[in-house]
Amino acid sequence: GNEPRYIAILDSQLSASWFVNSGQMGLDFKVSQEKLSYFNKPSQSWIIVNESMKEVDTLECANGYKADYHDIILSADGGYILQAYDTIFFNMSEIVLGGSLNAKITTLIIQEFDISDSLIFEWNAWNHLNITDYTNLNLTQEYISWMHGNSIDIDNDNNLIISNRRSSEIIKIHRTTGNVIWFFGGPNNQYTIQNDYLNGFSKQHDVRRINNGNIILFDNGNGHNPPISRALEYSLNETEMIAELIWDYSHPQAYVGLAMGSVQRLPNNNTLINWGTLSEHGAIITEVDYDKNIVLE
């Protein structure tokens, strides 16, 4: 509505050391490579600012695509990775019984640029995935919301990890060829999941490889029975294809953030959790130590 929207920098006492009424210009405000970035929704571009909040660059997608606000990666070599969406029309009756003759399909685009803003890599889900594998979706509809990418991360081996919330899956892709290296979760899951009483995540956000080599993510939990949101840390054996849950946290109040949300592992090994969209609660952020004690809320 007309309520003011702010982006802010808070000090260790949670007092605002800088803030601005940002309208729709403050999505995904974060630190990356010693710079700050945020998404300007009206222009569908990313704004890069210095420590004084002075704009130093504006980043956009190429080839006619409009950048999406869910994530941006600034790489150590001065390049950057953005995501976007494309709409394609396809005769799904050719590959699915009862498919629409002219289905409108949303596909995910990943673009990487070098320090000179030259496009050096483009990945289109339509070219690398098989939509008929997604048996969890109704592929006979006229409009198929196939992909919903909500995070990108550069893995330790320099390849890319993408979160597709639509089908509760994490996809690792080769950063040069675009070929899929593995699927974790969803209809294409290749991992045996161990030590997870819910046997995986549902409608997740914010998938990251952390310093100890594990994967951390925010499990929104829409599809759990009953729904429950969790912060999760998995150890992945990418040879034996085993994913072991080694740490998790759900709030004592059993919060369920059906949309949005994030999780960060801090340098002191605490975990900072944004519980996303909580019905009748507003925004809640919780910091817990590794023993699951709440140290800030």
Protein backbone atom coordinates (compact mmCIF):
# COMPACT_ATOMS: atom_id res chain seq x y z
CA GLY A 1 0.00 0.00 0.00
CA ASN A 2 1.14 3.51 0.88
CA GLU A 3 3.16 2.55 3.93
CA PRO A 4 6.77 3.82 3.81
CA ARG A 5 9.43 1.22 3.03
CA TYR A 6 12.96 1.53 4.33
CA ILE A 7 16.40 0.12 3.78
CA ALA A 8 18.73 0.61 6.72
CA ILE A 9 22.07 -0.21 8.29
CA LEU A 10 21.79 -1.12 11.97
CA ASP A 11 24.64 -1.08 14.46
CA SER A 12 25.33 -3.80 17.02
CA GLN A 13 22.76 -2.24 19.36
CA LEU A 14 20.14 -2.40 16.58
CA SER A 15 20.03 1.37 16.25
CA ALA A 16 19.80 2.77 12.73
CA SER A 17 23.12 4.29 11.69
CA TRP A 18 21.75 4.96 8.19
CA PHE A 19 18.30 4.65 6.66
CA VAL A 20 16.19 5.97 3.80
CA ASN A 21 12.58 5.68 2.71
CA SER A 22 13.32 3.62 -0.37
CA GLY A 23 9.92 3.02 -1.92
CA GLN A 24 10.41 -0.02 -4.17
CA MET A 25 14.16 0.53 -4.54
CA GLY A 26 15.52 -1.47 -1.61
CA LEU A 27 15.03 -5.15 -2.37
CA ASP A 28 17.86 -7.57 -1.40
CA PHE A 29 19.96 -4.85 0.23
CA LYS A 30 23.22 -6.53 1.24
CA VAL A 31 27.00 -6.47 1.43
CA SER A 32 28.96 -8.18 -1.34
CA GLN A 33 32.68 -7.89 -2.16
CA GLU A 34 33.02 -4.87 0.17
CA LYS A 35 30.24 -3.05 -1.66
CA LEU A 36 26.54 -2.66 -1.04
CA SER A 37 23.88 -3.54 -3.57
CA TYR A 38 20.11 -3.31 -3.84
CA PHE A 39 17.46 -3.77 -6.50
CA ASN A 40 15.60 -0.85 -8.05
CA LYS A 41 12.26 -2.40 -8.93
CA PRO A 42 10.88 0.41 -11.15
CA SER A 43 13.92 0.22 -13.47
CA GLN A 44 14.50 -3.53 -12.94
CA SER A 45 18.20 -2.91 -12.40
CA TRP A 46 20.74 -3.37 -9.60
CA ILE A 47 22.33 -0.38 -7.90
CA ILE A 48 25.87 -0.71 -6.52
CA VAL A 49 26.91 1.79 -3.86
CA ASN A 50 30.04 2.48 -1.82
CA GLU A 51 30.33 2.67 1.97
CA SER A 52 28.94 6.22 1.86
CA MET A 53 25.83 4.97 0.02
CA LYS A 54 26.90 6.82 -3.15
CA GLU A 55 25.96 5.04 -6.37
CA VAL A 56 28.99 3.74 -8.26
CA ASP A 57 27.37 1.45 -10.83
CA THR A 58 24.07 0.26 -12.31
CA LEU A 59 23.83 -3.35 -13.52
CA GLU A 60 21.29 -4.73 -15.96
CA CYS A 61 20.65 -7.92 -17.91
CA ALA A 62 21.45 -8.27 -21.62
CA ASN A 63 19.63 -9.60 -24.70
CA GLY A 64 16.39 -7.85 -23.83
CA TYR A 65 15.88 -9.57 -20.47
CA LYS A 66 14.89 -7.62 -17.35
CA ALA A 67 16.75 -8.42 -14.15
CA ASP A 68 14.89 -10.17 -11.35
CA TYR A 69 15.13 -8.93 -7.77
CA HIS A 70 15.78 -12.19 -5.93
CA ASP A 71 19.56 -12.29 -6.03
CA ILE A 72 22.78 -10.84 -7.39
CA ILE A 73 26.31 -12.19 -7.09
CA LEU A 74 29.31 -9.84 -7.29
CA SER A 75 32.33 -12.02 -8.02
CA ALA A 76 35.83 -11.47 -6.69
CA ASP A 77 37.18 -10.66 -10.18
CA GLY A 78 34.81 -7.71 -10.60
CA GLY A 79 32.17 -9.53 -12.62
CA TYR A 80 28.60 -10.24 -11.62
CA ILE A 81 25.79 -12.77 -12.06
CA LEU A 82 22.11 -11.87 -12.48
CA GLN A 83 18.94 -13.82 -13.06
CA ALA A 84 15.90 -13.07 -15.19
CA TYR A 85 12.85 -14.80 -16.64
CA ASP A 86 11.72 -15.49 -20.17
CA THR A 87 8.31 -16.55 -21.46
CA ILE A 88 8.19 -19.09 -24.23
CA PHE A 89 5.24 -20.53 -26.14
CA PHE A 90 5.34 -24.23 -26.92
CA ASN A 91 3.00 -26.94 -28.18
CA MET A 92 2.99 -29.10 -25.06
CA SER A 93 0.70 -31.66 -26.75
CA GLU A 94 3.83 -32.86 -28.55
CA ILE A 95 5.37 -34.10 -25.30
CA VAL A 96 2.53 -34.34 -22.74
CA LEU A 97 -0.81 -36.10 -23.13
CA GLY A 98 -3.49 -33.41 -23.03
CA GLY A 99 -0.96 -30.59 -23.24
CA SER A 100 -1.94 -27.13 -24.49
CA LEU A 101 -1.30 -26.38 -28.16
CA ASN A 102 0.20 -23.01 -27.23
CA ALA A 103 1.33 -23.20 -23.61
CA LYS A 104 2.87 -20.11 -22.05
CA ILE A 105 5.86 -21.26 -20.01
CA THR A 106 8.03 -19.29 -17.56
CA THR A 107 11.69 -20.28 -17.77
CA LEU A 108 14.73 -19.13 -15.78
CA ILE A 109 17.69 -17.23 -17.26
CA ILE A 110 21.11 -16.88 -15.58
CA GLN A 111 23.57 -14.35 -17.03
CA GLU A 112 27.19 -13.75 -16.02
CA PHE A 113 29.13 -10.61 -16.97
CA ASP A 114 32.81 -9.76 -16.70
CA ILE A 115 34.28 -6.57 -15.21
CA SER A 116 33.73 -4.80 -18.55
CA ASP A 117 29.98 -5.63 -18.53
CA SER A 118 30.41 -8.14 -21.36
CA LEU A 119 28.07 -11.14 -21.25
CA ILE A 120 30.26 -14.24 -20.89
CA PHE A 121 27.71 -16.90 -19.91
CA GLU A 122 23.98 -17.37 -20.39
CA TRP A 123 21.95 -20.30 -19.07
CA ASN A 124 18.35 -20.95 -20.06
CA ALA A 125 16.56 -23.67 -18.09
CA TRP A 126 14.60 -24.64 -21.21
CA ASN A 127 17.83 -25.64 -22.97
CA HIS A 128 19.29 -27.67 -20.11
CA LEU A 129 16.35 -29.21 -18.25
CA ASN A 130 13.53 -31.48 -19.40
CA ILE A 131 10.18 -30.01 -18.45
CA THR A 132 8.52 -33.43 -18.63
CA ASP A 133 10.62 -34.49 -15.63
CA TYR A 134 8.60 -32.08 -13.51
CA THR A 135 5.77 -34.45 -12.73
CA ASN A 136 4.94 -32.38 -9.63
CA LEU A 137 3.50 -29.68 -11.92
CA ASN A 138 0.36 -29.68 -14.04
CA LEU A 139 1.92 -29.63 -17.50
CA THR A 140 -1.47 -29.57 -19.27
CA GLN A 141 -2.26 -26.00 -18.26
CA GLU A 142 -2.20 -23.13 -20.73
CA TYR A 143 0.09 -21.18 -18.39
CA ILE A 144 2.92 -23.13 -16.72
CA SER A 145 4.89 -21.35 -14.01
CA TRP A 146 7.81 -23.74 -14.40
CA MET A 147 10.78 -22.08 -12.69
CA HIS A 148 11.12 -19.75 -9.70
CA GLY A 149 14.77 -19.02 -9.05
CA ASN A 150 15.41 -17.27 -5.74
CA SER A 151 19.14 -17.61 -5.05
CA ILE A 152 22.45 -18.03 -6.87
CA ASP A 153 25.77 -19.03 -5.31
CA ILE A 154 29.28 -19.69 -6.61
CA ASP A 155 30.35 -23.10 -5.33
CA ASN A 156 33.81 -23.96 -4.03
CA ASP A 157 34.68 -25.56 -7.37
CA ASN A 158 33.64 -22.37 -9.22
CA ASN A 159 30.38 -23.81 -10.56
CA LEU A 160 26.94 -22.39 -9.77
CA ILE A 161 24.27 -23.46 -7.30
CA ILE A 162 20.73 -22.32 -8.08
CA SER A 163 17.62 -22.57 -5.93
CA ASN A 164 14.34 -23.34 -7.76
CA ARG A 165 11.61 -22.77 -5.16
CA ARG A 166 8.84 -23.78 -7.57
CA SER A 167 9.80 -27.45 -7.36
CA SER A 168 11.70 -27.47 -4.05
CA GLU A 169 14.98 -28.26 -5.76
CA ILE A 170 18.60 -27.11 -5.75
CA ILE A 171 20.44 -27.39 -9.05
CA LYS A 172 24.21 -27.31 -9.50
CA ILE A 173 25.26 -26.31 -13.01
CA HIS A 174 28.61 -26.13 -14.80
CA ARG A 175 29.68 -22.52 -15.06
CA THR A 176 30.99 -22.89 -18.62
CA THR A 177 28.83 -25.50 -20.36
CA GLY A 178 25.64 -24.96 -18.35
CA ASN A 179 25.21 -28.72 -17.97
CA VAL A 180 23.51 -29.96 -14.83
CA ILE A 181 25.97 -31.50 -12.35
CA TRP A 182 23.35 -32.62 -9.83
CA PHE A 183 19.85 -32.11 -8.47
CA PHE A 184 19.17 -31.99 -4.74
CA GLY A 185 15.50 -32.18 -3.81
CA GLY A 186 12.46 -32.00 -6.05
CA PRO A 187 11.30 -34.43 -8.74
CA ASN A 188 14.85 -34.95 -10.08
CA ASN A 189 16.50 -35.54 -6.69
CA GLN A 190 19.72 -37.58 -6.90
CA TYR A 191 20.65 -37.53 -3.21
CA THR A 192 19.90 -39.96 -0.43
CA ILE A 193 18.85 -37.75 2.47
CA GLN A 194 19.96 -38.86 5.93
CA ASN A 195 19.17 -37.71 9.47
CA ASP A 196 16.34 -35.40 8.34
CA TYR A 197 13.04 -36.29 10.00
CA LEU A 198 11.16 -34.42 7.25
CA ASN A 199 13.24 -36.01 4.48
CA GLY A 200 14.18 -32.73 2.85
CA PHE A 201 13.10 -29.15 2.33
CA SER A 202 10.05 -27.51 0.79
CA LYS A 203 9.79 -24.19 -1.13
CA GLN A 204 13.23 -23.10 0.10
CA HIS A 205 15.13 -19.80 -0.09
CA ASP A 206 18.73 -18.59 0.20
CA VAL A 207 20.85 -21.67 -0.58
CA ARG A 208 24.55 -21.02 0.20
CA ARG A 209 27.78 -22.98 0.44
CA ILE A 210 29.40 -21.94 3.73
CA ASN A 211 33.03 -21.90 4.85
CA ASN A 212 33.02 -25.41 6.34
CA GLY A 213 31.95 -26.86 2.98
CA ASN A 214 28.34 -27.53 3.93
CA ILE A 215 25.14 -26.18 2.38
CA ILE A 216 22.88 -23.91 4.41
CA LEU A 217 19.35 -22.84 3.43
CA PHE A 218 16.01 -21.54 4.67
CA ASP A 219 13.37 -24.25 4.44
CA ASN A 220 10.05 -22.40 4.18
CA GLY A 221 8.30 -25.72 4.74
CA ASN A 222 5.08 -25.01 2.84
CA GLY A 223 4.73 -28.68 1.93
CA HIS A 224 5.61 -30.21 5.27
CA ASN A 225 2.81 -31.85 7.23
CA PRO A 226 2.17 -29.80 9.26
CA PRO A 227 3.99 -26.82 7.66
CA ILE A 228 7.06 -25.67 9.60
CA SER A 229 9.97 -23.38 8.67
CA ARG A 230 13.55 -24.36 9.48
CA ALA A 231 17.14 -23.26 9.02
CA LEU A 232 19.04 -26.27 7.65
CA GLU A 233 22.69 -27.26 7.25
CA TYR A 234 23.50 -30.28 5.08
CA SER A 235 26.80 -32.04 4.51
CA LEU A 236 26.88 -33.18 0.86
CA ASN A 237 28.90 -36.14 -0.32
CA GLU A 238 28.94 -35.38 -4.04
CA THR A 239 30.60 -38.71 -4.87
CA GLU A 240 28.28 -41.06 -3.00
CA MET A 241 25.35 -38.63 -3.46
CA ILE A 242 24.43 -38.51 0.22
CA ALA A 243 23.01 -35.42 1.92
CA GLU A 244 23.20 -35.57 5.71
CA LEU A 245 21.38 -33.02 7.83
CA ILE A 246 23.87 -32.04 10.53
CA TRP A 247 22.15 -28.97 12.02
CA ASP A 248 18.65 -27.52 11.95
CA TYR A 249 16.63 -24.96 13.82
CA SER A 250 12.91 -24.34 14.03
CA HIS A 251 11.54 -21.63 16.29
CA PRO A 252 9.94 -22.52 19.65
CA GLN A 253 6.85 -20.68 18.39
CA ALA A 254 6.80 -22.99 15.33
CA TYR A 255 6.93 -20.11 12.86
CA VAL A 256 5.86 -20.82 9.29
CA GLY A 257 7.17 -18.31 6.77
CA LEU A 258 5.29 -19.28 3.62
CA ALA A 259 7.20 -16.79 1.46
CA MET A 260 10.57 -15.03 1.52
CA GLY A 261 13.06 -15.72 4.32
CA SER A 262 16.81 -16.14 4.60
CA VAL A 263 19.54 -17.71 6.71
CA GLN A 264 23.13 -16.60 7.29
CA ARG A 265 25.95 -18.36 9.12
CA LEU A 266 27.92 -15.66 10.97
CA PRO A 267 31.69 -15.61 11.63
CA ASN A 268 31.11 -16.57 15.30
CA ASN A 269 29.19 -19.68 14.10
CA ASN A 270 25.85 -18.22 15.11
CA THR A 271 23.01 -18.32 12.60
CA LEU A 272 20.88 -15.32 11.66
CA ILE A 273 17.40 -16.26 10.45
CA ASN A 274 14.80 -14.06 8.75
CA TRP A 275 11.53 -15.96 9.08
CA GLY A 276 10.00 -14.38 5.98
CA THR A 277 6.28 -13.73 5.66
CA LEU A 278 4.67 -14.66 8.97
CA SER A 279 0.91 -14.37 9.14
CA GLU A 280 -0.18 -11.89 11.83
CA HIS A 281 3.36 -11.52 13.18
CA GLY A 282 5.10 -8.92 11.01
CA ALA A 283 8.84 -9.35 10.45
CA ILE A 284 10.87 -11.43 12.91
CA ILE A 285 14.63 -11.98 12.82
CA THR A 286 16.28 -14.45 15.18
CA GLU A 287 19.95 -15.11 15.92
CA VAL A 288 20.80 -18.44 17.54
CA ASP A 289 24.10 -19.99 18.58
CA TYR A 290 25.13 -23.46 17.44
CA ASP A 291 23.56 -24.95 20.57
CA LYS A 292 20.26 -23.39 19.44
CA ASN A 293 20.06 -20.74 22.16
CA ILE A 294 18.38 -17.51 21.06
CA VAL A 295 20.86 -14.65 21.50
CA LEU A 296 18.92 -11.94 19.65
CA GLU A 297 15.36 -11.49 18.40
